[in-house]
Amino acid sequence: MLTNRITDIAGLRVGHATDPRLASGVTALLFDDPVVAGVDVRGGGPGTRETDLLDPERTVERIDALVLSGGSAFGLDAAAGVVAHLAETGRGFAVGPARVPIVPAAILFDLLNGGDKAWGRYAPYRDLGHAAAVAATRDVALGSVGAGTGAATANLKGGIGSASAEVDGLRDVAGSAVRVGALVAVNAFGRVTVGAGPHFWAGPYEIGGEFGGLGFPAAMPADAFDWPPRKAPAGASTTLAVVATDAALTKAQARRLAVMAQDGLARAIHPVHTPLDGDVVFAVSTGRVALADPVTDLARIGDAAARTLARAVAIGVHRATVPPGWAGPPAWADRFGG
């Protein structure tokens, strides 16, 4: 049964580690078998680990996991915890008798949200990363969990969102549809709603009332394009996302899928990709379905991925809740009900 989560792509599991006192956390995406991956970085203040090896010219072809973490630069330690878990289970790129788990990661800034960041010499993100990996399952929790625990947008609490879709016109030899899925931690400098109202910029792409069923405003409100009210230093915001497909892609095609999927952020957040954000989109392929027409079929998948990611952004904010001691903006449900 489909769940409207990224785990509708077979072979994917997602785990969260959430620390309410810290007002931060980690989200890990684990793959049953190594996957082809690409990345596209658009924000002006990104924080990443092992993204260079995703370039098509690099030697390593596949990765074992991806990590999205709070904590700014401190959160890059989360990948070490996921690597440790994978090593414990014998996973990794073979180098002679050794195996090295390949785990790219990206981080968002959540250090000023009211949580207790007095962690001493070492930040807790390595342990949180390990816990997230151990907890990985096909049942994906949404809202203020994992990397979305301390996330915020300009006017509303941010969070973890996920969605999936079938790609129109693409099926395998058995007649099953090719699928795309998206997972996102929304922590944007901009708004995901149209001005100060309840309508989401992603409203035209909504399926089945998944983020309130409000659609788009009948008339564009006067404040639709007002500059976000929140003031933040450069790099103090970031939206992190993963799009996945069961279509078979090369590393170059995965990179192109990540580029196209970035349009999903542009459809759901205003403004986006600013010098104040560190926006990163990963794309992964499990390789279940070979493409008959690599150019046109990839274009179809990219279009579906962009729409799916836009929906996931709105879902993440719609499902977010405010933790105790929160110093950021209110949750969508608290402000608008429902």
Protein backbone atom coordinates (compact mmCIF):
# COMPACT_ATOMS: atom_id res chain seq x y z
CA MET A 1 0.00 0.00 0.00
CA LEU A 2 1.32 3.45 -0.92
CA THR A 3 1.86 5.86 1.98
CA ASN A 4 2.71 9.15 0.21
CA ARG A 5 6.22 8.94 1.62
CA ILE A 6 9.64 8.64 0.01
CA THR A 7 9.70 5.04 1.20
CA ASP A 8 7.13 4.19 -1.47
CA ILE A 9 10.34 3.70 -3.45
CA ALA A 10 11.29 0.12 -2.53
CA GLY A 11 14.61 -0.31 -0.75
CA LEU A 12 14.56 2.97 1.22
CA ARG A 13 14.23 3.46 4.97
CA VAL A 14 14.15 6.67 7.02
CA GLY A 15 15.11 7.12 10.65
CA HIS A 16 14.83 10.14 12.93
CA ALA A 17 16.63 11.00 16.14
CA THR A 18 14.91 13.86 17.97
CA ASP A 19 16.17 15.76 21.02
CA PRO A 20 13.44 18.15 22.29
CA ARG A 21 15.75 19.68 24.91
CA LEU A 22 18.33 20.43 22.24
CA ALA A 23 15.56 21.55 19.85
CA SER A 24 17.43 19.75 17.10
CA GLY A 25 17.88 16.34 15.57
CA VAL A 26 19.02 14.13 12.72
CA THR A 27 17.29 12.35 9.85
CA ALA A 28 19.01 9.43 8.09
CA LEU A 29 17.98 7.86 4.79
CA LEU A 30 19.35 4.32 4.47
CA PHE A 31 19.35 2.15 1.35
CA ASP A 32 18.96 -1.64 1.43
CA ASP A 33 21.48 -1.76 -1.42
CA PRO A 34 23.87 0.99 -2.56
CA VAL A 35 22.25 3.57 -4.87
CA VAL A 36 23.38 5.96 -7.59
CA ALA A 37 23.20 9.56 -6.39
CA GLY A 38 23.70 13.15 -7.47
CA VAL A 39 23.44 16.55 -5.80
CA ASP A 40 22.64 20.15 -6.65
CA VAL A 41 23.57 23.01 -4.30
CA ARG A 42 21.80 26.36 -4.79
CA GLY A 43 21.90 28.18 -1.46
CA GLY A 44 24.54 30.76 -0.62
CA GLY A 45 25.58 29.18 2.70
CA PRO A 46 25.64 25.38 2.37
CA GLY A 47 27.22 22.92 4.77
CA THR A 48 27.96 19.48 3.31
CA ARG A 49 30.06 16.33 3.58
CA GLU A 50 31.21 14.01 0.76
CA THR A 51 29.22 15.74 -1.96
CA ASP A 52 32.25 16.03 -4.25
CA LEU A 53 32.30 12.27 -4.78
CA LEU A 54 28.82 12.51 -6.33
CA ASP A 55 30.29 14.23 -9.39
CA PRO A 56 29.91 11.89 -12.39
CA GLU A 57 33.70 11.79 -12.91
CA ARG A 58 34.44 10.48 -9.41
CA THR A 59 35.37 6.84 -8.82
CA VAL A 60 32.75 5.80 -6.28
CA GLU A 61 29.54 4.95 -8.14
CA ARG A 62 27.07 4.37 -5.31
CA ILE A 63 26.31 5.47 -1.76
CA ASP A 64 25.00 3.65 1.31
CA ALA A 65 23.05 6.41 3.10
CA LEU A 66 22.29 10.12 3.25
CA VAL A 67 22.09 12.35 6.32
CA LEU A 68 20.15 15.56 6.93
CA SER A 69 21.01 17.18 10.25
CA GLY A 70 20.40 20.21 12.40
CA GLY A 71 23.23 21.81 14.30
CA SER A 72 24.96 23.80 11.56
CA ALA A 73 28.61 22.70 11.20
CA PHE A 74 28.35 20.71 14.43
CA GLY A 75 25.71 18.55 12.75
CA LEU A 76 28.17 17.21 10.18
CA ASP A 77 29.27 14.83 12.95
CA ALA A 78 25.94 13.01 12.46
CA ALA A 79 27.28 11.28 9.36
CA ALA A 80 29.97 9.62 11.49
CA GLY A 81 27.26 7.99 13.58
CA VAL A 82 25.52 6.64 10.48
CA VAL A 83 28.87 5.40 9.13
CA ALA A 84 29.43 3.59 12.43
CA HIS A 85 26.07 1.82 12.20
CA LEU A 86 26.67 0.79 8.59
CA ALA A 87 30.14 -0.49 9.47
CA GLU A 88 28.63 -2.56 12.27
CA THR A 89 26.40 -4.26 9.68
CA GLY A 90 29.19 -4.85 7.15
CA ARG A 91 28.18 -2.18 4.64
CA GLY A 92 30.51 0.00 2.59
CA PHE A 93 32.67 0.53 -0.47
CA ALA A 94 35.19 -2.31 -0.75
CA VAL A 95 38.86 -1.26 -0.63
CA GLY A 96 40.73 -4.56 -0.45
CA PRO A 97 39.59 -6.29 2.73
CA ALA A 98 38.26 -3.02 4.20
CA ARG A 99 34.79 -1.58 3.71
CA VAL A 100 34.12 2.15 3.88
CA PRO A 101 30.45 3.27 4.18
CA ILE A 102 29.74 6.16 1.80
CA VAL A 103 27.45 8.66 3.52
CA PRO A 104 27.07 12.18 2.10
CA ALA A 105 25.42 14.68 4.41
CA ALA A 106 24.07 18.22 4.61
CA ILE A 107 23.22 20.43 7.56
CA LEU A 108 20.83 23.24 8.43
CA PHE A 109 21.18 26.07 10.92
CA ASP A 110 19.03 25.80 14.07
CA LEU A 111 21.33 27.19 16.77
CA LEU A 112 19.17 30.20 17.73
CA ASN A 113 15.82 28.50 18.32
CA GLY A 114 15.74 28.39 22.11
CA GLY A 115 17.09 24.88 22.62
CA ASP A 116 19.86 24.04 25.07
CA LYS A 117 23.04 24.11 22.97
CA ALA A 118 25.44 24.02 25.96
CA TRP A 119 26.70 20.55 25.07
CA GLY A 120 30.28 20.96 26.24
CA ARG A 121 33.34 19.97 24.23
CA TYR A 122 31.62 17.61 21.78
CA ALA A 123 28.22 18.10 20.19
CA PRO A 124 25.76 15.18 20.42
CA TYR A 125 25.19 14.78 16.69
CA ARG A 126 27.35 11.69 16.16
CA ASP A 127 25.23 9.77 18.68
CA LEU A 128 22.05 11.22 17.19
CA GLY A 129 23.18 10.07 13.75
CA HIS A 130 23.76 6.54 15.02
CA ALA A 131 20.34 6.51 16.71
CA ALA A 132 18.65 7.74 13.52
CA ALA A 133 20.29 4.98 11.49
CA VAL A 134 19.28 2.30 13.97
CA ALA A 135 15.69 3.62 13.93
CA ALA A 136 15.38 3.60 10.12
CA THR A 137 12.10 2.16 8.89
CA ARG A 138 9.66 2.45 6.00
CA ASP A 139 7.22 4.28 8.31
CA VAL A 140 8.28 7.95 7.98
CA ALA A 141 7.25 10.36 10.74
CA LEU A 142 6.55 13.94 9.63
CA GLY A 143 6.66 17.41 11.18
CA SER A 144 8.89 18.42 14.08
CA VAL A 145 11.09 15.33 14.15
CA GLY A 146 14.68 14.55 13.21
CA ALA A 147 16.37 17.32 11.24
CA GLY A 148 13.06 19.20 11.30
CA THR A 149 12.90 19.42 15.11
CA GLY A 150 14.36 22.93 15.29
CA ALA A 151 13.53 24.09 11.77
CA ALA A 152 11.67 27.31 10.98
CA THR A 153 10.57 29.43 8.03
CA ALA A 154 10.14 33.21 7.94
CA ASN A 155 6.71 33.11 9.57
CA LEU A 156 5.95 29.51 10.60
CA LYS A 157 7.55 26.49 12.25
CA GLY A 158 9.35 24.26 9.75
CA GLY A 159 9.68 20.50 9.78
CA ILE A 160 10.09 17.22 7.92
CA GLY A 161 7.86 16.62 4.91
CA SER A 162 7.60 13.70 2.52
CA ALA A 163 5.49 12.81 -0.52
CA SER A 164 5.46 10.39 -3.45
CA ALA A 165 3.90 10.09 -6.89
CA GLU A 166 3.73 7.92 -9.97
CA VAL A 167 5.40 9.31 -13.08
CA ASP A 168 2.81 9.88 -15.80
CA GLY A 169 3.42 7.75 -18.87
CA LEU A 170 6.27 5.61 -17.48
CA ARG A 171 5.79 1.94 -16.63
CA ASP A 172 8.00 -1.13 -16.38
CA VAL A 173 7.56 -4.28 -18.48
CA ALA A 174 5.11 -5.67 -15.91
CA GLY A 175 2.95 -2.55 -16.14
CA SER A 176 3.92 -1.06 -12.78
CA ALA A 177 4.38 2.71 -12.68
CA VAL A 178 7.75 4.32 -12.20
CA ARG A 179 7.71 6.27 -8.94
CA VAL A 180 9.32 9.32 -7.40
CA GLY A 181 9.48 10.32 -3.76
CA ALA A 182 10.71 13.32 -1.81
CA LEU A 183 11.96 13.93 1.73
CA VAL A 184 12.67 17.46 2.95
CA ALA A 185 13.71 19.37 6.08
CA VAL A 186 12.18 22.84 5.68
CA ASN A 187 14.20 25.59 7.38
CA ALA A 188 13.86 28.42 4.87
CA PHE A 189 14.61 32.13 5.10
CA GLY A 190 11.47 32.66 2.99
CA ARG A 191 7.82 31.76 3.46
CA VAL A 192 6.02 28.63 2.28
CA THR A 193 2.68 30.43 2.57
CA VAL A 194 1.39 33.20 0.31
CA GLY A 195 2.06 36.25 2.46
CA ALA A 196 0.80 36.00 6.02
CA GLY A 197 -2.23 33.86 5.11
CA PRO A 198 -2.79 30.11 5.36
CA HIS A 199 -2.49 29.24 1.65
CA PHE A 200 0.63 27.42 0.53
CA TRP A 201 2.67 28.43 -2.52
CA ALA A 202 2.57 24.71 -3.38
CA GLY A 203 -1.24 24.72 -3.35
CA PRO A 204 -1.66 24.05 -7.11
CA TYR A 205 0.25 20.76 -6.74
CA GLU A 206 -1.64 19.40 -3.70
CA ILE A 207 -3.13 15.92 -3.90
CA GLY A 208 -6.08 14.85 -1.76
CA GLY A 209 -5.99 17.64 0.82
CA GLU A 210 -2.58 16.51 2.11
CA PHE A 211 -1.78 19.98 3.48
CA GLY A 212 -5.19 21.38 4.26
CA GLY A 213 -6.94 21.41 0.88
CA LEU A 214 -7.07 25.21 0.71
CA GLY A 215 -5.82 25.51 -2.84
CA PHE A 216 -4.46 28.84 -4.03
CA PRO A 217 -5.93 32.24 -3.01
CA ALA A 218 -8.72 33.45 -5.29
CA ALA A 219 -6.83 36.73 -5.56
CA MET A 220 -3.18 37.37 -4.79
CA PRO A 221 -2.98 39.13 -1.39
CA ALA A 222 -1.20 42.47 -1.17
CA ASP A 223 1.53 41.01 1.05
CA ALA A 224 2.23 37.99 -1.16
CA PHE A 225 5.70 39.15 -2.14
CA ASP A 226 6.58 41.15 0.96
CA TRP A 227 10.10 40.61 2.21
CA PRO A 228 10.17 38.00 5.00
CA PRO A 229 9.84 39.56 8.46
CA ARG A 230 12.58 37.47 10.02
CA LYS A 231 16.14 38.82 10.20
CA ALA A 232 18.93 36.25 9.97
CA PRO A 233 22.69 36.21 9.41
CA ALA A 234 24.04 34.71 6.18
CA GLY A 235 23.78 30.94 6.19
CA ALA A 236 21.29 30.88 9.08
CA SER A 237 18.59 29.15 7.03
CA THR A 238 18.56 26.11 4.76
CA THR A 239 16.16 23.65 3.16
CA LEU A 240 17.57 20.15 2.68
CA ALA A 241 15.91 17.63 0.38
CA VAL A 242 16.23 14.19 -1.18
CA VAL A 243 14.31 13.04 -4.24
CA ALA A 244 14.33 9.36 -5.13
CA THR A 245 13.19 7.24 -8.06
CA ASP A 246 13.13 3.54 -8.88
CA ALA A 247 14.17 4.34 -12.46
CA ALA A 248 17.71 3.34 -13.41
CA LEU A 249 19.90 6.46 -13.71
CA THR A 250 23.57 7.16 -14.20
CA LYS A 251 25.38 9.58 -11.90
CA ALA A 252 25.08 12.27 -14.56
CA GLN A 253 21.33 11.66 -14.86
CA ALA A 254 20.97 11.72 -11.06
CA ARG A 255 22.67 15.10 -11.05
CA ARG A 256 20.21 16.35 -13.68
CA LEU A 257 17.31 15.00 -11.61
CA ALA A 258 18.57 16.98 -8.60
CA VAL A 259 18.78 20.12 -10.75
CA MET A 260 15.19 19.71 -11.99
CA ALA A 261 13.92 18.90 -8.50
CA GLN A 262 15.24 22.22 -7.21
CA ASP A 263 12.30 23.76 -9.06
CA GLY A 264 10.13 22.15 -6.41
CA LEU A 265 11.70 24.40 -3.79
CA ALA A 266 11.17 27.42 -6.05
CA ARG A 267 7.47 26.53 -6.39
CA ALA A 268 6.99 26.11 -2.64
CA ILE A 269 9.18 28.79 -0.99
CA HIS A 270 9.45 32.54 -1.54
CA PRO A 271 12.15 33.79 -1.73
CA VAL A 272 14.42 30.79 -2.19
CA HIS A 273 18.12 30.03 -2.91
CA THR A 274 19.12 33.29 -1.25
CA PRO A 275 22.56 34.16 0.19
CA LEU A 276 20.93 33.46 3.57
CA ASP A 277 20.06 29.83 2.70
CA GLY A 278 22.19 26.73 2.17
CA ASP A 279 19.70 24.82 0.02
CA VAL A 280 20.81 21.34 -1.08
CA VAL A 281 18.90 18.71 -3.07
CA PHE A 282 20.16 15.14 -3.39
CA ALA A 283 18.77 12.72 -5.99
CA VAL A 284 19.01 8.93 -5.74
CA SER A 285 18.16 6.04 -8.05
CA THR A 286 17.53 2.45 -6.95
CA GLY A 287 17.72 1.25 -10.56
CA ARG A 288 14.65 -1.00 -10.65
CA VAL A 289 13.35 0.16 -14.05
CA ALA A 290 15.49 0.74 -17.15
CA LEU A 291 14.56 3.81 -19.20
CA ALA A 292 13.50 3.19 -22.80
CA ASP A 293 14.18 6.82 -23.78
CA PRO A 294 16.86 8.19 -21.40
CA VAL A 295 16.33 11.83 -22.43
CA THR A 296 12.53 12.15 -22.54
CA ASP A 297 11.93 9.72 -19.68
CA LEU A 298 14.39 11.60 -17.44
CA ALA A 299 12.55 14.83 -18.26
CA ARG A 300 9.27 13.23 -17.13
CA ILE A 301 10.84 12.00 -13.91
CA GLY A 302 12.37 15.40 -13.17
CA ASP A 303 9.04 17.15 -13.69
CA ALA A 304 7.31 14.71 -11.33
CA ALA A 305 10.11 15.07 -8.77
CA ALA A 306 9.79 18.88 -8.73
CA ARG A 307 6.05 18.72 -8.13
CA THR A 308 6.48 16.04 -5.47
CA LEU A 309 9.14 18.03 -3.65
CA ALA A 310 6.93 21.14 -3.66
CA ARG A 311 4.18 19.10 -2.01
CA ALA A 312 6.62 17.69 0.56
CA VAL A 313 7.70 21.21 1.57
CA ALA A 314 4.11 22.23 2.31
CA ILE A 315 3.43 18.96 4.14
CA GLY A 316 6.46 19.52 6.36
CA VAL A 317 5.22 22.92 7.52
CA HIS A 318 1.58 21.82 7.73
CA ARG A 319 2.52 18.94 10.05
CA ALA A 320 5.01 20.84 12.23
CA THR A 321 4.41 21.43 15.93
CA VAL A 322 6.09 23.77 18.41
CA PRO A 323 8.32 22.05 21.03
CA PRO A 324 8.61 23.25 24.66
CA GLY A 325 10.79 26.34 25.02
CA TRP A 326 10.57 27.12 21.31
CA ALA A 327 11.91 30.60 20.44
CA GLY A 328 10.77 30.68 16.83
CA PRO A 329 7.54 31.37 14.91
CA PRO A 330 4.25 29.52 15.54
CA ALA A 331 3.17 26.31 13.89
CA TRP A 332 0.76 26.48 10.92
CA ALA A 333 -1.89 24.55 12.89
CA ASP A 334 -1.62 26.92 15.87
CA ARG A 335 -2.00 30.00 13.71
CA PHE A 336 -4.64 28.80 11.25
CA GLY A 337 -6.20 25.73 12.91
CA GLY A 338 -6.69 22.28 11.34
